[in-house]
C-alpha atoms as a PDB file:
ATOM      1  CA  MET A   1       5.275 -23.450   2.813  1.00  0.00           C
ATOM      2  CA  LYS A   2       7.025 -21.242   5.354  1.00  0.00           C
ATOM      3  CA  LYS A   3       5.173 -19.997   8.442  1.00  0.00           C
ATOM      4  CA  LEU A   4       3.833 -16.492   7.807  1.00  0.00           C
ATOM      5  CA  THR A   5       3.471 -13.701  10.365  1.00  0.00           C
ATOM      6  CA  LEU A   6       1.622 -10.475   9.615  1.00  0.00           C
ATOM      7  CA  TYR A   7       2.870  -7.546  11.695  1.00  0.00           C
ATOM      8  CA  SER A   8      -0.103  -5.263  12.086  1.00  0.00           C
ATOM      9  CA  ARG A   9      -1.903  -2.865  14.403  1.00  0.00           C
ATOM     10  CA  LEU A  10      -5.497  -2.104  15.299  1.00  0.00           C
ATOM     11  CA  GLU A  11      -7.365   0.571  13.356  1.00  0.00           C
ATOM     12  CA  CYS A  12      -4.937   0.355  10.427  1.00  0.00           C
ATOM     13  CA  PRO A  13      -6.912   0.196   7.157  1.00  0.00           C
ATOM     14  CA  LEU A  14      -3.941  -1.136   5.166  1.00  0.00           C
ATOM     15  CA  CYS A  15      -3.393  -3.838   7.780  1.00  0.00           C
ATOM     16  CA  GLU A  16      -7.043  -4.858   7.543  1.00  0.00           C
ATOM     17  CA  PHE A  17      -6.817  -4.959   3.755  1.00  0.00           C
ATOM     18  CA  ALA A  18      -3.654  -7.096   3.903  1.00  0.00           C
ATOM     19  CA  GLU A  19      -5.310  -9.526   6.320  1.00  0.00           C
ATOM     20  CA  GLU A  20      -8.414  -9.766   4.111  1.00  0.00           C
ATOM     21  CA  LEU A  21      -6.219 -10.518   1.074  1.00  0.00           C
ATOM     22  CA  LEU A  22      -4.367 -13.295   2.937  1.00  0.00           C
ATOM     23  CA  VAL A  23      -7.614 -14.840   4.209  1.00  0.00           C
ATOM     24  CA  ALA A  24      -9.311 -14.626   0.797  1.00  0.00           C
ATOM     25  CA  GLU A  25      -6.369 -16.394  -0.835  1.00  0.00           C
ATOM     26  CA  GLY A  26      -6.305 -19.153   1.798  1.00  0.00           C
ATOM     27  CA  PHE A  27      -2.943 -18.371   3.398  1.00  0.00           C
ATOM     28  CA  THR A  28      -2.321 -19.552   6.950  1.00  0.00           C
ATOM     29  CA  PHE A  29      -0.715 -16.848   9.046  1.00  0.00           C
ATOM     30  CA  GLU A  30      -0.394 -15.413  12.532  1.00  0.00           C
ATOM     31  CA  VAL A  31      -1.236 -11.781  13.248  1.00  0.00           C
ATOM     32  CA  VAL A  32       1.049  -9.921  15.656  1.00  0.00           C
ATOM     33  CA  ASP A  33      -0.130  -6.557  16.986  1.00  0.00           C
ATOM     34  CA  ILE A  34       2.977  -4.393  17.100  1.00  0.00           C
ATOM     35  CA  ASP A  35       1.418  -2.203  19.805  1.00  0.00           C
ATOM     36  CA  ASP A  36       1.970  -5.052  22.281  1.00  0.00           C
ATOM     37  CA  SER A  37       5.743  -4.526  22.216  1.00  0.00           C
ATOM     38  CA  GLU A  38       7.897  -1.403  22.396  1.00  0.00           C
ATOM     39  CA  GLU A  39      10.538  -3.178  20.294  1.00  0.00           C
ATOM     40  CA  LEU A  40       8.007  -4.055  17.571  1.00  0.00           C
ATOM     41  CA  ILE A  41       6.723  -0.475  17.541  1.00  0.00           C
ATOM     42  CA  LYS A  42      10.258   0.793  16.987  1.00  0.00           C
ATOM     43  CA  THR A  43      10.807  -1.697  14.173  1.00  0.00           C
ATOM     44  CA  TYR A  44       7.478  -1.556  12.331  1.00  0.00           C
ATOM     45  CA  HIS A  45       5.763   1.700  13.361  1.00  0.00           C
ATOM     46  CA  ILE A  46       5.545   3.284   9.895  1.00  0.00           C
ATOM     47  CA  ARG A  47       6.013   0.062   7.900  1.00  0.00           C
ATOM     48  CA  VAL A  48       2.922  -1.969   8.805  1.00  0.00           C
ATOM     49  CA  PRO A  49       1.570  -4.142   7.406  1.00  0.00           C
ATOM     50  CA  VAL A  50       4.665  -6.310   7.033  1.00  0.00           C
ATOM     51  CA  LEU A  51       4.627 -10.019   6.248  1.00  0.00           C
ATOM     52  CA  SER A  52       7.441 -12.205   7.593  1.00  0.00           C
ATOM     53  CA  ASN A  53       8.368 -15.789   6.760  1.00  0.00           C
ATOM     54  CA  GLY A  54      10.929 -16.018   9.557  1.00  0.00           C
ATOM     55  CA  LEU A  55      13.841 -15.375   7.209  1.00  0.00           C
ATOM     56  CA  ALA A  56      12.770 -12.307   5.241  1.00  0.00           C
ATOM     57  CA  GLU A  57      10.087  -9.627   5.214  1.00  0.00           C
ATOM     58  CA  LEU A  58       7.660  -8.469   2.558  1.00  0.00           C
ATOM     59  CA  ASP A  59       6.508  -4.866   2.864  1.00  0.00           C
ATOM     60  CA  TRP A  60       3.121  -3.589   1.777  1.00  0.00           C
ATOM     61  CA  PRO A  61       1.848  -3.367  -0.900  1.00  0.00           C
ATOM     62  CA  PHE A  62       1.909  -7.054  -1.741  1.00  0.00           C
ATOM     63  CA  THR A  63      -0.283  -9.196  -3.958  1.00  0.00           C
ATOM     64  CA  ALA A  64      -1.498 -12.766  -3.680  1.00  0.00           C
ATOM     65  CA  ASP A  65       1.115 -13.773  -6.263  1.00  0.00           C
ATOM     66  CA  SER A  66       3.975 -12.074  -4.431  1.00  0.00           C
ATOM     67  CA  VAL A  67       2.873 -13.669  -1.144  1.00  0.00           C
ATOM     68  CA  TRP A  68       2.726 -17.104  -2.780  1.00  0.00           C
ATOM     69  CA  GLU A  69       6.273 -16.701  -4.089  1.00  0.00           C
ATOM     70  CA  PHE A  70       7.407 -15.341  -0.721  1.00  0.00           C
ATOM     71  CA  ALA A  71       5.842 -18.241   1.193  1.00  0.00           C
ATOM     72  CA  HIS A  72       7.072 -20.975  -1.141  1.00  0.00           C
ATOM     73  CA  GLY A  73      10.366 -19.560  -2.383  1.00  0.00           C
END
């Protein structure tokens, strides 16, 4: 399985929902707060939550099945 990174921000209901889905399905992932970097804000400001596997990105909305395929594909 590829390493997963969830680009997120505080007080973002969709980001919280995405994180809850990943936890509930047992995925291992790192959360990166985009507000910690001007470059990340420019890239992800209106797109969060975004899941990355280091090679590609999966925009919200995603499902447990789409994440599984993304992580293992």
